[in-house]
C-alpha atoms as a PDB file:
ATOM      1  CA  MET A   1      -2.613  20.802  57.080  1.00  0.00           C
ATOM      2  CA  GLN A   2      -2.439  24.604  56.439  1.00  0.00           C
ATOM      3  CA  HIS A   3       0.587  26.479  57.780  1.00  0.00           C
ATOM      4  CA  ALA A   4       0.716  30.755  58.185  1.00  0.00           C
ATOM      5  CA  VAL A   5       2.442  32.917  55.791  1.00  0.00           C
ATOM      6  CA  GLY A   6       6.205  33.177  56.526  1.00  0.00           C
ATOM      7  CA  ALA A   7       5.915  30.132  59.506  1.00  0.00           C
ATOM      8  CA  PRO A   8       8.745  27.601  59.142  1.00  0.00           C
ATOM      9  CA  LEU A   9       7.934  24.525  57.266  1.00  0.00           C
ATOM     10  CA  PRO A  10       7.763  21.105  59.210  1.00  0.00           C
ATOM     11  CA  PRO A  11      10.695  19.060  58.632  1.00  0.00           C
ATOM     12  CA  PRO A  12      10.622  16.489  56.038  1.00  0.00           C
ATOM     13  CA  HIS A  13       9.608  12.713  55.853  1.00  0.00           C
ATOM     14  CA  GLY A  14      12.759  11.207  55.320  1.00  0.00           C
ATOM     15  CA  PRO A  15      13.473   7.238  55.003  1.00  0.00           C
ATOM     16  CA  GLY A  16      12.367   6.215  58.208  1.00  0.00           C
ATOM     17  CA  ILE A  17      10.963   9.454  59.564  1.00  0.00           C
ATOM     18  CA  GLY A  18       7.616  10.270  60.673  1.00  0.00           C
ATOM     19  CA  HIS A  19       6.230  13.379  62.166  1.00  0.00           C
ATOM     20  CA  VAL A  20       8.473  15.828  64.203  1.00  0.00           C
ATOM     21  CA  GLY A  21      11.262  13.517  63.653  1.00  0.00           C
ATOM     22  CA  ARG A  22       9.895  10.457  65.460  1.00  0.00           C
ATOM     23  CA  PRO A  23      10.608   6.889  64.127  1.00  0.00           C
ATOM     24  CA  TYR A  24       8.297   5.438  61.313  1.00  0.00           C
ATOM     25  CA  GLN A  25       8.336   2.195  63.047  1.00  0.00           C
ATOM     26  CA  ALA A  26       7.461   4.097  66.533  1.00  0.00           C
ATOM     27  CA  GLN A  27       4.176   5.457  64.976  1.00  0.00           C
ATOM     28  CA  HIS A  28       2.958   2.182  63.153  1.00  0.00           C
ATOM     29  CA  ALA A  29       3.491  -0.692  65.322  1.00  0.00           C
ATOM     30  CA  GLY A  30       4.152  -3.839  63.634  1.00  0.00           C
ATOM     31  CA  HIS A  31       4.550  -2.186  59.948  1.00  0.00           C
ATOM     32  CA  PRO A  32       8.261  -3.180  58.666  1.00  0.00           C
ATOM     33  CA  GLY A  33       8.297   0.343  57.425  1.00  0.00           C
ATOM     34  CA  PRO A  34       8.893   1.997  53.965  1.00  0.00           C
ATOM     35  CA  PRO A  35      11.186   0.070  51.317  1.00  0.00           C
ATOM     36  CA  PRO A  36      14.948   1.221  51.898  1.00  0.00           C
ATOM     37  CA  ILE A  37      16.175   3.633  49.422  1.00  0.00           C
ATOM     38  CA  SER A  38      19.018   2.512  47.078  1.00  0.00           C
ATOM     39  CA  PRO A  39      22.296   4.697  47.560  1.00  0.00           C
ATOM     40  CA  PRO A  40      23.560   6.657  44.308  1.00  0.00           C
ATOM     41  CA  PRO A  41      26.127   4.593  42.056  1.00  0.00           C
ATOM     42  CA  GLY A  42      29.821   4.603  43.729  1.00  0.00           C
ATOM     43  CA  GLN A  43      28.687   5.032  47.270  1.00  0.00           C
ATOM     44  CA  ALA A  44      28.384   2.551  49.978  1.00  0.00           C
ATOM     45  CA  PRO A  45      24.863   1.953  51.723  1.00  0.00           C
ATOM     46  CA  PRO A  46      24.409   3.859  54.871  1.00  0.00           C
ATOM     47  CA  PRO A  47      24.186   1.944  58.277  1.00  0.00           C
ATOM     48  CA  PRO A  48      20.984   0.581  59.680  1.00  0.00           C
ATOM     49  CA  ALA A  49      19.948   2.416  62.295  1.00  0.00           C
ATOM     50  CA  PRO A  50      19.763   1.441  66.068  1.00  0.00           C
ATOM     51  CA  GLY A  51      17.342  -1.378  66.388  1.00  0.00           C
ATOM     52  CA  GLN A  52      16.791  -1.807  62.818  1.00  0.00           C
ATOM     53  CA  VAL A  53      17.733  -4.985  60.760  1.00  0.00           C
ATOM     54  CA  PRO A  54      19.845  -4.433  57.691  1.00  0.00           C
ATOM     55  CA  PRO A  55      18.143  -4.722  54.385  1.00  0.00           C
ATOM     56  CA  PRO A  56      18.376  -7.908  52.493  1.00  0.00           C
ATOM     57  CA  PRO A  57      20.308  -7.619  49.143  1.00  0.00           C
ATOM     58  CA  ALA A  58      17.863  -7.061  46.237  1.00  0.00           C
ATOM     59  CA  GLN A  59      17.149 -10.584  44.484  1.00  0.00           C
ATOM     60  CA  GLY A  60      16.100 -10.953  40.590  1.00  0.00           C
ATOM     61  CA  ARG A  61      17.095  -7.223  39.717  1.00  0.00           C
ATOM     62  CA  PRO A  62      19.502  -6.926  37.025  1.00  0.00           C
ATOM     63  CA  GLN A  63      22.654  -4.864  37.373  1.00  0.00           C
ATOM     64  CA  GLN A  64      23.412  -2.056  34.852  1.00  0.00           C
ATOM     65  CA  PRO A  65      26.561  -1.975  33.015  1.00  0.00           C
ATOM     66  CA  PRO A  66      29.278  -0.107  34.132  1.00  0.00           C
ATOM     67  CA  ALA A  67      29.731   3.183  32.701  1.00  0.00           C
ATOM     68  CA  PRO A  68      32.751   3.790  30.169  1.00  0.00           C
ATOM     69  CA  GLY A  69      35.947   4.042  32.681  1.00  0.00           C
ATOM     70  CA  GLN A  70      34.265   2.348  35.640  1.00  0.00           C
ATOM     71  CA  ALA A  71      35.307  -0.998  36.966  1.00  0.00           C
ATOM     72  CA  PRO A  72      32.581  -3.440  36.593  1.00  0.00           C
ATOM     73  CA  GLN A  73      30.350  -4.012  39.508  1.00  0.00           C
ATOM     74  CA  PRO A  74      30.467  -7.583  41.317  1.00  0.00           C
ATOM     75  CA  GLY A  75      28.524  -9.799  39.485  1.00  0.00           C
ATOM     76  CA  TRP A  76      28.601  -7.811  36.111  1.00  0.00           C
ATOM     77  CA  SER A  77      29.630 -10.429  33.248  1.00  0.00           C
ATOM     78  CA  GLY A  78      28.941  -8.086  30.272  1.00  0.00           C
ATOM     79  CA  THR A  79      31.142  -5.940  28.175  1.00  0.00           C
ATOM     80  CA  GLY A  80      29.396  -2.732  28.934  1.00  0.00           C
ATOM     81  CA  PRO A  81      28.457  -0.598  25.919  1.00  0.00           C
ATOM     82  CA  THR A  82      30.542  -0.369  22.924  1.00  0.00           C
ATOM     83  CA  PRO A  83      32.278   2.820  21.860  1.00  0.00           C
ATOM     84  CA  PRO A  84      32.141   3.953  17.978  1.00  0.00           C
ATOM     85  CA  PRO A  85      35.137   2.964  15.989  1.00  0.00           C
ATOM     86  CA  ALA A  86      37.814   5.193  15.927  1.00  0.00           C
ATOM     87  CA  GLY A  87      37.243   7.790  12.943  1.00  0.00           C
ATOM     88  CA  GLN A  88      33.457   7.564  12.626  1.00  0.00           C
ATOM     89  CA  VAL A  89      31.082  10.209  13.528  1.00  0.00           C
ATOM     90  CA  THR A  90      28.108   9.344  15.754  1.00  0.00           C
ATOM     91  CA  GLY A  91      24.862  11.148  14.759  1.00  0.00           C
ATOM     92  CA  HIS A  92      20.962  10.508  14.285  1.00  0.00           C
ATOM     93  CA  THR A  93      21.683   7.236  12.237  1.00  0.00           C
ATOM     94  CA  GLY A  94      24.010   5.476  14.628  1.00  0.00           C
ATOM     95  CA  HIS A  95      27.433   5.045  14.176  1.00  0.00           C
ATOM     96  CA  VAL A  96      27.513   4.897  10.454  1.00  0.00           C
ATOM     97  CA  GLN A  97      27.847   8.609   8.788  1.00  0.00           C
ATOM     98  CA  LEU A  98      25.913   8.348   5.497  1.00  0.00           C
ATOM     99  CA  PRO A  99      27.746  10.381   2.582  1.00  0.00           C
ATOM    100  CA  PRO A 100      26.325  13.298   0.873  1.00  0.00           C
ATOM    101  CA  GLY A 101      24.534  12.652  -2.158  1.00  0.00           C
ATOM    102  CA  GLY A 102      25.719  14.382  -5.377  1.00  0.00           C
ATOM    103  CA  PRO A 103      24.911  14.727  -8.797  1.00  0.00           C
ATOM    104  CA  VAL A 104      25.296  11.729 -10.792  1.00  0.00           C
ATOM    105  CA  PRO A 105      28.294  11.404 -13.084  1.00  0.00           C
ATOM    106  CA  LEU A 106      27.690   9.354 -16.484  1.00  0.00           C
ATOM    107  CA  PRO A 107      29.381   5.794 -15.784  1.00  0.00           C
ATOM    108  CA  ALA A 108      32.406   4.266 -17.356  1.00  0.00           C
ATOM    109  CA  PRO A 109      31.145   1.813 -20.072  1.00  0.00           C
ATOM    110  CA  PRO A 110      30.887  -1.791 -18.836  1.00  0.00           C
ATOM    111  CA  ALA A 111      33.818  -4.054 -19.826  1.00  0.00           C
ATOM    112  CA  GLY A 112      31.229  -7.263 -20.852  1.00  0.00           C
ATOM    113  CA  SER A 113      27.910  -7.468 -22.582  1.00  0.00           C
ATOM    114  CA  GLY A 114      24.878  -5.562 -21.235  1.00  0.00           C
ATOM    115  CA  THR A 115      25.285  -3.200 -17.924  1.00  0.00           C
ATOM    116  CA  GLY A 116      27.280  -5.574 -16.379  1.00  0.00           C
ATOM    117  CA  GLY A 117      28.749  -4.385 -12.700  1.00  0.00           C
ATOM    118  CA  ALA A 118      28.222  -0.642 -13.819  1.00  0.00           C
ATOM    119  CA  THR A 119      26.547   1.937 -10.997  1.00  0.00           C
ATOM    120  CA  LEU A 120      23.720   3.674 -13.217  1.00  0.00           C
ATOM    121  CA  ALA A 121      21.117   6.026 -12.758  1.00  0.00           C
ATOM    122  CA  VAL A 122      18.089   4.695 -15.001  1.00  0.00           C
ATOM    123  CA  LEU A 123      14.835   6.627 -15.982  1.00  0.00           C
ATOM    124  CA  LEU A 124      12.246   4.786 -17.931  1.00  0.00           C
ATOM    125  CA  ILE A 125       9.484   6.792 -19.233  1.00  0.00           C
ATOM    126  CA  GLY A 126       6.479   5.374 -20.916  1.00  0.00           C
ATOM    127  CA  PRO A 127       2.593   6.177 -21.112  1.00  0.00           C
ATOM    128  CA  ALA A 128       0.176   4.690 -18.523  1.00  0.00           C
ATOM    129  CA  GLY A 129       0.025   0.613 -19.257  1.00  0.00           C
ATOM    130  CA  ALA A 130       3.491   0.693 -21.001  1.00  0.00           C
ATOM    131  CA  GLY A 131       4.844  -1.810 -18.346  1.00  0.00           C
ATOM    132  CA  LYS A 132       7.448   0.665 -16.627  1.00  0.00           C
ATOM    133  CA  THR A 133       7.377  -0.350 -13.087  1.00  0.00           C
ATOM    134  CA  THR A 134       6.747  -4.098 -14.080  1.00  0.00           C
ATOM    135  CA  VAL A 135       9.927  -3.810 -16.383  1.00  0.00           C
ATOM    136  CA  ALA A 136      12.058  -1.736 -13.819  1.00  0.00           C
ATOM    137  CA  LYS A 137      11.602  -4.262 -11.153  1.00  0.00           C
ATOM    138  CA  LEU A 138      12.484  -7.462 -12.741  1.00  0.00           C
ATOM    139  CA  TRP A 139      15.706  -5.405 -14.589  1.00  0.00           C
ATOM    140  CA  ALA A 140      16.520  -4.281 -11.264  1.00  0.00           C
ATOM    141  CA  ALA A 141      15.967  -7.839  -9.754  1.00  0.00           C
ATOM    142  CA  ARG A 142      18.059  -9.564 -11.962  1.00  0.00           C
ATOM    143  CA  ARG A 143      21.256  -7.508 -12.101  1.00  0.00           C
ATOM    144  CA  ARG A 144      24.423  -8.983 -10.555  1.00  0.00           C
ATOM    145  CA  VAL A 145      24.879  -5.817  -8.370  1.00  0.00           C
ATOM    146  CA  PRO A 146      22.963  -3.744  -5.955  1.00  0.00           C
ATOM    147  CA  THR A 147      20.085  -2.103  -7.843  1.00  0.00           C
ATOM    148  CA  ALA A 148      17.171   0.019  -6.198  1.00  0.00           C
ATOM    149  CA  HIS A 149      13.868   0.784  -8.141  1.00  0.00           C
ATOM    150  CA  VAL A 150      11.918   3.767  -7.243  1.00  0.00           C
ATOM    151  CA  SER A 151       8.176   4.478  -9.069  1.00  0.00           C
ATOM    152  CA  LEU A 152       7.098   7.742  -8.821  1.00  0.00           C
ATOM    153  CA  ASP A 153       3.634   6.737  -8.691  1.00  0.00           C
ATOM    154  CA  ASP A 154       4.400   5.127  -5.784  1.00  0.00           C
ATOM    155  CA  VAL A 155       5.827   8.401  -4.126  1.00  0.00           C
ATOM    156  CA  ARG A 156       3.114  10.107  -5.042  1.00  0.00           C
ATOM    157  CA  GLU A 157       0.501   7.705  -3.376  1.00  0.00           C
ATOM    158  CA  TRP A 158       2.575   8.423  -0.144  1.00  0.00           C
ATOM    159  CA  VAL A 159       0.239  11.033   0.353  1.00  0.00           C
ATOM    160  CA  ARG A 160      -2.695   9.628   1.828  1.00  0.00           C
ATOM    161  CA  SER A 161      -5.289  12.413   2.685  1.00  0.00           C
ATOM    162  CA  GLY A 162      -5.390  15.429   0.337  1.00  0.00           C
ATOM    163  CA  PHE A 163      -3.868  13.319  -2.489  1.00  0.00           C
ATOM    164  CA  ALA A 164      -4.128  14.545  -5.902  1.00  0.00           C
ATOM    165  CA  ASP A 165      -5.926  11.778  -7.973  1.00  0.00           C
ATOM    166  CA  PRO A 166      -4.815  11.942 -11.569  1.00  0.00           C
ATOM    167  CA  GLN A 167      -8.228  11.023 -12.394  1.00  0.00           C
ATOM    168  CA  ALA A 168      -9.157  14.260 -11.513  1.00  0.00           C
ATOM    169  CA  GLY A 169      -7.060  15.898 -13.905  1.00  0.00           C
ATOM    170  CA  TRP A 170      -3.765  17.922 -14.335  1.00  0.00           C
ATOM    171  CA  ASN A 171      -4.173  21.181 -12.050  1.00  0.00           C
ATOM    172  CA  ASP A 172      -2.141  23.172  -9.434  1.00  0.00           C
ATOM    173  CA  HIS A 173      -2.228  21.079  -6.503  1.00  0.00           C
ATOM    174  CA  SER A 174      -1.320  17.931  -9.046  1.00  0.00           C
ATOM    175  CA  GLU A 175       1.630  19.769 -10.434  1.00  0.00           C
ATOM    176  CA  ALA A 176       2.679  20.573  -6.874  1.00  0.00           C
ATOM    177  CA  GLN A 177       2.682  16.993  -5.819  1.00  0.00           C
ATOM    178  CA  TYR A 178       4.161  15.774  -8.914  1.00  0.00           C
ATOM    179  CA  ARG A 179       7.186  18.258  -8.160  1.00  0.00           C
ATOM    180  CA  LEU A 180       7.494  17.192  -4.758  1.00  0.00           C
ATOM    181  CA  ALA A 181       7.537  13.583  -6.002  1.00  0.00           C
ATOM    182  CA  ARG A 182       9.896  13.990  -8.250  1.00  0.00           C
ATOM    183  CA  ARG A 183      12.292  15.839  -6.102  1.00  0.00           C
ATOM    184  CA  THR A 184      12.216  12.869  -3.207  1.00  0.00           C
ATOM    185  CA  CYS A 185      12.775  10.484  -6.139  1.00  0.00           C
ATOM    186  CA  GLY A 186      15.866  12.424  -7.216  1.00  0.00           C
ATOM    187  CA  PHE A 187      17.004  12.407  -3.741  1.00  0.00           C
ATOM    188  CA  ALA A 188      16.491   8.802  -2.942  1.00  0.00           C
ATOM    189  CA  ALA A 189      18.374   8.016  -6.606  1.00  0.00           C
ATOM    190  CA  ARG A 190      21.514  10.122  -5.116  1.00  0.00           C
ATOM    191  CA  ASN A 191      21.829   8.312  -2.024  1.00  0.00           C
ATOM    192  CA  PHE A 192      21.538   4.963  -3.202  1.00  0.00           C
ATOM    193  CA  LEU A 193      24.259   5.804  -6.258  1.00  0.00           C
ATOM    194  CA  ALA A 194      26.416   7.445  -3.224  1.00  0.00           C
ATOM    195  CA  ASN A 195      26.278   4.429  -1.392  1.00  0.00           C
ATOM    196  CA  GLY A 196      27.040   2.152  -4.583  1.00  0.00           C
ATOM    197  CA  ILE A 197      23.694   0.998  -5.484  1.00  0.00           C
ATOM    198  CA  SER A 198      22.449   1.445  -8.864  1.00  0.00           C
ATOM    199  CA  CYS A 199      19.013   3.027  -9.290  1.00  0.00           C
ATOM    200  CA  ILE A 200      16.177   2.984 -11.930  1.00  0.00           C
ATOM    201  CA  LEU A 201      12.965   5.079 -11.748  1.00  0.00           C
ATOM    202  CA  ASP A 202      10.008   5.080 -13.733  1.00  0.00           C
ATOM    203  CA  ASP A 203       7.737   8.356 -14.886  1.00  0.00           C
ATOM    204  CA  ALA A 204       5.209   9.050 -17.491  1.00  0.00           C
ATOM    205  CA  VAL A 205       7.423  12.109 -18.786  1.00  0.00           C
ATOM    206  CA  PHE A 206       5.673  14.000 -21.589  1.00  0.00           C
ATOM    207  CA  PRO A 207       8.240  15.330 -24.045  1.00  0.00           C
ATOM    208  CA  ASP A 208       6.007  18.526 -25.025  1.00  0.00           C
ATOM    209  CA  ARG A 209       5.547  19.672 -21.029  1.00  0.00           C
ATOM    210  CA  PRO A 210       8.665  21.262 -19.772  1.00  0.00           C
ATOM    211  CA  VAL A 211       7.305  21.295 -16.219  1.00  0.00           C
ATOM    212  CA  VAL A 212       7.224  17.921 -15.883  1.00  0.00           C
ATOM    213  CA  GLY A 213       9.892  16.815 -18.574  1.00  0.00           C
ATOM    214  CA  LEU A 214      13.112  15.845 -18.729  1.00  0.00           C
ATOM    215  CA  GLY A 215      15.101  19.005 -17.337  1.00  0.00           C
ATOM    216  CA  GLY A 216      13.735  18.418 -13.990  1.00  0.00           C
ATOM    217  CA  TRP A 217      14.825  14.835 -13.912  1.00  0.00           C
ATOM    218  CA  LYS A 218      18.282  15.816 -14.858  1.00  0.00           C
ATOM    219  CA  ARG A 219      18.221  18.680 -12.437  1.00  0.00           C
ATOM    220  CA  HIS A 220      17.232  16.284  -9.330  1.00  0.00           C
ATOM    221  CA  VAL A 221      19.403  13.438  -9.913  1.00  0.00           C
ATOM    222  CA  GLY A 222      22.352  14.639 -12.483  1.00  0.00           C
ATOM    223  CA  PRO A 223      23.623  14.882 -16.023  1.00  0.00           C
ATOM    224  CA  GLY A 224      24.593  10.749 -15.451  1.00  0.00           C
ATOM    225  CA  LEU A 225      20.904   9.765 -15.809  1.00  0.00           C
ATOM    226  CA  LEU A 226      20.293   7.483 -18.706  1.00  0.00           C
ATOM    227  CA  PRO A 227      16.444   8.062 -20.246  1.00  0.00           C
ATOM    228  CA  VAL A 228      14.895   5.195 -22.138  1.00  0.00           C
ATOM    229  CA  VAL A 229      11.439   5.395 -23.657  1.00  0.00           C
ATOM    230  CA  LEU A 230       9.261   2.329 -23.344  1.00  0.00           C
ATOM    231  CA  LEU A 231       6.633   2.822 -25.872  1.00  0.00           C
ATOM    232  CA  PRO A 232       4.364  -0.283 -27.334  1.00  0.00           C
ATOM    233  CA  GLY A 233       1.224   0.036 -29.414  1.00  0.00           C
ATOM    234  CA  LEU A 234      -1.759   1.707 -28.358  1.00  0.00           C
ATOM    235  CA  GLU A 235      -3.858  -1.426 -28.227  1.00  0.00           C
ATOM    236  CA  ILE A 236      -1.515  -3.196 -26.042  1.00  0.00           C
ATOM    237  CA  VAL A 237      -1.559   0.041 -23.810  1.00  0.00           C
ATOM    238  CA  LEU A 238      -5.119   0.019 -23.418  1.00  0.00           C
ATOM    239  CA  GLU A 239      -5.494  -3.662 -22.728  1.00  0.00           C
ATOM    240  CA  ARG A 240      -3.005  -3.425 -19.963  1.00  0.00           C
ATOM    241  CA  ASN A 241      -5.048  -0.496 -18.176  1.00  0.00           C
ATOM    242  CA  ALA A 242      -8.189  -2.463 -18.298  1.00  0.00           C
ATOM    243  CA  ALA A 243      -6.548  -4.783 -15.994  1.00  0.00           C
ATOM    244  CA  ARG A 244      -5.862  -2.213 -13.221  1.00  0.00           C
ATOM    245  CA  SER A 245      -7.995  -0.912 -10.339  1.00  0.00           C
ATOM    246  CA  GLY A 246      -7.722   2.097  -8.444  1.00  0.00           C
ATOM    247  CA  ASN A 247      -6.646   5.532  -9.070  1.00  0.00           C
ATOM    248  CA  ARG A 248      -4.024   3.628 -11.515  1.00  0.00           C
ATOM    249  CA  ARG A 249      -7.222   2.977 -13.950  1.00  0.00           C
ATOM    250  CA  LEU A 250      -7.561   5.859 -16.499  1.00  0.00           C
ATOM    251  CA  SER A 251     -10.256   6.256 -18.824  1.00  0.00           C
ATOM    252  CA  ASP A 252      -9.724   4.960 -22.570  1.00  0.00           C
ATOM    253  CA  GLU A 253      -9.833   8.382 -23.571  1.00  0.00           C
ATOM    254  CA  GLU A 254      -7.091   9.538 -21.414  1.00  0.00           C
ATOM    255  CA  VAL A 255      -4.796   6.616 -22.194  1.00  0.00           C
ATOM    256  CA  ALA A 256      -5.333   7.453 -26.142  1.00  0.00           C
ATOM    257  CA  ARG A 257      -4.254  11.398 -25.271  1.00  0.00           C
ATOM    258  CA  ILE A 258      -1.440  10.322 -23.367  1.00  0.00           C
ATOM    259  CA  HIS A 259      -0.081   7.629 -25.589  1.00  0.00           C
ATOM    260  CA  GLY A 260      -0.526  10.075 -28.562  1.00  0.00           C
ATOM    261  CA  ARG A 261       1.614  12.686 -26.789  1.00  0.00           C
ATOM    262  CA  MET A 262       4.410  10.020 -25.840  1.00  0.00           C
ATOM    263  CA  ALA A 263       4.750   9.687 -29.876  1.00  0.00           C
ATOM    264  CA  GLY A 264       6.638  13.329 -29.480  1.00  0.00           C
ATOM    265  CA  TRP A 265       9.754  10.909 -28.168  1.00  0.00           C
ATOM    266  CA  TYR A 266      10.119   9.831 -31.857  1.00  0.00           C
ATOM    267  CA  GLY A 267      12.630  11.799 -33.287  1.00  0.00           C
ATOM    268  CA  SER A 268      14.176  13.272 -29.860  1.00  0.00           C
ATOM    269  CA  GLY A 269      17.392  11.032 -30.003  1.00  0.00           C
ATOM    270  CA  LEU A 270      16.342   9.019 -26.902  1.00  0.00           C
ATOM    271  CA  PRO A 271      16.554   5.100 -27.232  1.00  0.00           C
ATOM    272  CA  ILE A 272      12.668   3.696 -27.512  1.00  0.00           C
ATOM    273  CA  ILE A 273      11.758   0.394 -26.957  1.00  0.00           C
ATOM    274  CA  ASP A 274       8.686  -1.190 -28.607  1.00  0.00           C
ATOM    275  CA  ASN A 275       7.893  -3.853 -26.474  1.00  0.00           C
ATOM    276  CA  SER A 276       4.099  -4.795 -28.107  1.00  0.00           C
ATOM    277  CA  THR A 277       5.368  -8.256 -28.747  1.00  0.00           C
ATOM    278  CA  TYR A 278       7.889  -8.656 -25.655  1.00  0.00           C
ATOM    279  CA  ASP A 279       7.086 -10.451 -22.602  1.00  0.00           C
ATOM    280  CA  VAL A 280       8.503  -8.836 -19.407  1.00  0.00           C
ATOM    281  CA  GLU A 281      11.810 -10.750 -19.367  1.00  0.00           C
ATOM    282  CA  THR A 282      12.611  -9.965 -22.810  1.00  0.00           C
ATOM    283  CA  THR A 283      12.157  -6.101 -22.401  1.00  0.00           C
ATOM    284  CA  ALA A 284      14.112  -6.105 -19.431  1.00  0.00           C
ATOM    285  CA  ARG A 285      16.868  -7.760 -21.551  1.00  0.00           C
ATOM    286  CA  VAL A 286      16.470  -5.594 -24.374  1.00  0.00           C
ATOM    287  CA  LEU A 287      16.531  -2.409 -21.992  1.00  0.00           C
ATOM    288  CA  ASP A 288      19.968  -3.757 -20.441  1.00  0.00           C
ATOM    289  CA  ASP A 289      21.376  -3.689 -24.100  1.00  0.00           C
ATOM    290  CA  VAL A 290      19.900  -0.178 -24.497  1.00  0.00           C
ATOM    291  CA  LEU A 291      21.618   0.790 -21.650  1.00  0.00           C
ATOM    292  CA  ALA A 292      25.069  -0.586 -22.698  1.00  0.00           C
ATOM    293  CA  ARG A 293      24.643   1.112 -25.694  1.00  0.00           C
ATOM    294  CA  SER A 294      23.600   4.709 -23.981  1.00  0.00           C
ATOM    295  CA  ILE A 295      26.892   4.131 -21.440  1.00  0.00           C
ATOM    296  CA  ALA A 296      28.978   3.892 -24.520  1.00  0.00           C
ATOM    297  CA  SER A 297      27.661   6.696 -26.763  1.00  0.00           C
ATOM    298  CA  PRO A 298      25.246   8.889 -24.327  1.00  0.00           C
ATOM    299  CA  PRO A 299      21.854  10.442 -26.112  1.00  0.00           C
ATOM    300  CA  ALA A 300      21.920  14.173 -26.208  1.00  0.00           C
ATOM    301  CA  TRP A 301      19.121  15.206 -23.992  1.00  0.00           C
END
């Protein structure tokens, strides 16, 4: 139906009202009429119209919990929403506010053998095939205190489309993704440590490449970061690399080139573990002893 411009609009079709104010039932004989509209919370339902049967109470529909400061509705047996404890600030993470992560200080020397219950930030360095990720995972799992493991290679592979594959060589694209992954790892490590959880990171850091060297890790994690180099013989590294698949497997020439550059860590003052004849468990135990000595006498780097 069309109405002339400026003409008054027809009356609205309210509950039980048809055209021109006639009752709905008068226009549709035998029809029960539209369903009743529930009143707003806290108001009593309106009385039924003359000749109209009052609607039955709703069945099977759960009642809503009372709002804070209001009395419970009849039939409500719950406790309602629980307010946050006093002194805590709510935010996007719920009732718990995470402490801000800051630079990692050097931990205090442990009382017993090994690293004990010290909260540590560790960087395990080594070429592809040195066993960094495997040893780091086991070391973190065997500690007596909560310890996390973050692998830079795993974080780099979070980029699914447009991933800078290491097999394609080093360029501006791969360097940008490396820097982003390193910052992400540093942020994760600082937040783990701010919540009392130790963290071990692993990365193939080159001694002759300052752009991807220790300086970036120290800047993103803090001066308390403890670096340790894992450097087995070339034959062991080539054998382990051959067992890899996907973009984690490099050519023999690339592995030999990386291993040769890693030899520059000798004479750097950093602790070096030659795990050529160690299994994973033995290497993790040696790593713990080396870290205990590093806490007592931090390496200069």
